[in-house]
Amino acid sequence: MDRPEGRFDPLCATIPADKKYVCLDRSDEADYWRSHFGATRDELERAVEAVRHGYAAVSVYFSQGSVTY
């Protein structure tokens, strides 16, 4: 995918193979999750570090501003 650094096109985002898990290992999947949650890469990494990779937990984390487990 050829796009300028820092620019994200949600129409070009790769939909994760398993949407039950927020996996940030692949940049294309991380882009999908960035768009989905309206978050930066750093915010996603903090969320996953705080609540692990489960979609439901990450979703709650963002809906509540942040959750400490």
C-alpha atoms as a PDB file:
ATOM      1  CA  MET A   1       0.000   0.000   0.000  1.00  0.00           C
ATOM      2  CA  ASP A   2       1.580   3.266  -1.040  1.00  0.00           C
ATOM      3  CA  ARG A   3       0.535   6.141   1.217  1.00  0.00           C
ATOM      4  CA  PRO A   4       2.321   9.103   2.755  1.00  0.00           C
ATOM      5  CA  GLU A   5       3.742   8.506   6.243  1.00  0.00           C
ATOM      6  CA  GLY A   6       1.227   9.256   8.965  1.00  0.00           C
ATOM      7  CA  ARG A   7      -1.771   9.296   6.614  1.00  0.00           C
ATOM      8  CA  PHE A   8      -4.397   6.610   7.001  1.00  0.00           C
ATOM      9  CA  ASP A   9      -7.000   5.622   4.470  1.00  0.00           C
ATOM     10  CA  PRO A  10      -9.676   3.499   6.195  1.00  0.00           C
ATOM     11  CA  LEU A  11     -10.853   2.156   2.848  1.00  0.00           C
ATOM     12  CA  CYS A  12      -7.453   0.505   2.387  1.00  0.00           C
ATOM     13  CA  ALA A  13      -7.264  -0.991   5.877  1.00  0.00           C
ATOM     14  CA  THR A  14      -6.894  -4.736   6.161  1.00  0.00           C
ATOM     15  CA  ILE A  15      -9.722  -6.250   8.164  1.00  0.00           C
ATOM     16  CA  PRO A  16      -8.175  -8.517  10.812  1.00  0.00           C
ATOM     17  CA  ALA A  17      -8.549 -12.247  10.353  1.00  0.00           C
ATOM     18  CA  ASP A  18      -9.940 -12.569  13.885  1.00  0.00           C
ATOM     19  CA  LYS A  19     -11.812  -9.478  15.018  1.00  0.00           C
ATOM     20  CA  LYS A  20     -12.134 -10.854  18.571  1.00  0.00           C
ATOM     21  CA  TYR A  21      -8.514  -9.846  19.210  1.00  0.00           C
ATOM     22  CA  VAL A  22      -6.780  -6.496  18.818  1.00  0.00           C
ATOM     23  CA  CYS A  23      -3.456  -7.546  17.358  1.00  0.00           C
ATOM     24  CA  LEU A  24      -0.902  -4.810  16.694  1.00  0.00           C
ATOM     25  CA  ASP A  25       1.837  -7.015  15.224  1.00  0.00           C
ATOM     26  CA  ARG A  26       0.951  -6.133  11.626  1.00  0.00           C
ATOM     27  CA  SER A  27       0.857  -2.465  10.696  1.00  0.00           C
ATOM     28  CA  ASP A  28      -2.125  -2.949   8.380  1.00  0.00           C
ATOM     29  CA  GLU A  29      -4.187  -4.523  11.158  1.00  0.00           C
ATOM     30  CA  ALA A  30      -3.008  -1.864  13.614  1.00  0.00           C
ATOM     31  CA  ASP A  31      -4.253   0.736  11.110  1.00  0.00           C
ATOM     32  CA  TYR A  32      -7.646  -0.970  11.095  1.00  0.00           C
ATOM     33  CA  TRP A  33      -7.848  -0.824  14.900  1.00  0.00           C
ATOM     34  CA  ARG A  34      -6.623   2.796  14.959  1.00  0.00           C
ATOM     35  CA  SER A  35      -9.486   3.723  12.666  1.00  0.00           C
ATOM     36  CA  HIS A  36     -12.021   1.572  14.506  1.00  0.00           C
ATOM     37  CA  PHE A  37     -11.269   3.070  17.923  1.00  0.00           C
ATOM     38  CA  GLY A  38     -10.236   6.534  16.713  1.00  0.00           C
ATOM     39  CA  ALA A  39      -6.969   6.123  18.587  1.00  0.00           C
ATOM     40  CA  THR A  40      -3.296   6.690  17.980  1.00  0.00           C
ATOM     41  CA  ARG A  41      -0.850   3.811  17.843  1.00  0.00           C
ATOM     42  CA  ASP A  42       0.427   4.761  21.324  1.00  0.00           C
ATOM     43  CA  GLU A  43      -3.098   4.810  22.733  1.00  0.00           C
ATOM     44  CA  LEU A  44      -3.774   1.357  21.277  1.00  0.00           C
ATOM     45  CA  GLU A  45      -0.547   0.005  22.719  1.00  0.00           C
ATOM     46  CA  ARG A  46      -1.426   1.387  26.178  1.00  0.00           C
ATOM     47  CA  ALA A  47      -4.908  -0.140  25.944  1.00  0.00           C
ATOM     48  CA  VAL A  48      -3.582  -3.573  24.963  1.00  0.00           C
ATOM     49  CA  GLU A  49      -0.939  -3.382  27.684  1.00  0.00           C
ATOM     50  CA  ALA A  50      -3.624  -2.504  30.249  1.00  0.00           C
ATOM     51  CA  VAL A  51      -6.349  -4.998  29.294  1.00  0.00           C
ATOM     52  CA  ARG A  52      -4.682  -7.457  26.896  1.00  0.00           C
ATOM     53  CA  HIS A  53      -5.768  -8.202  23.326  1.00  0.00           C
ATOM     54  CA  GLY A  54      -9.462  -9.047  23.657  1.00  0.00           C
ATOM     55  CA  TYR A  55     -11.699  -6.816  21.562  1.00  0.00           C
ATOM     56  CA  ALA A  56     -14.340  -6.495  24.289  1.00  0.00           C
ATOM     57  CA  ALA A  57     -11.813  -5.397  26.920  1.00  0.00           C
ATOM     58  CA  VAL A  58     -10.148  -2.873  24.592  1.00  0.00           C
ATOM     59  CA  SER A  59     -13.570  -1.531  23.609  1.00  0.00           C
ATOM     60  CA  VAL A  60     -14.499  -1.025  27.272  1.00  0.00           C
ATOM     61  CA  TYR A  61     -11.110   0.594  27.904  1.00  0.00           C
ATOM     62  CA  PHE A  62     -11.777   3.230  25.258  1.00  0.00           C
ATOM     63  CA  SER A  63     -15.462   3.720  26.117  1.00  0.00           C
ATOM     64  CA  GLN A  64     -14.585   4.478  29.738  1.00  0.00           C
ATOM     65  CA  GLY A  65     -11.563   6.621  28.981  1.00  0.00           C
ATOM     66  CA  SER A  66      -9.288   3.957  30.448  1.00  0.00           C
ATOM     67  CA  VAL A  67      -9.772   1.023  32.744  1.00  0.00           C
ATOM     68  CA  THR A  68      -7.328  -0.360  35.269  1.00  0.00           C
ATOM     69  CA  TYR A  69      -7.426  -4.110  35.837  1.00  0.00           C
END
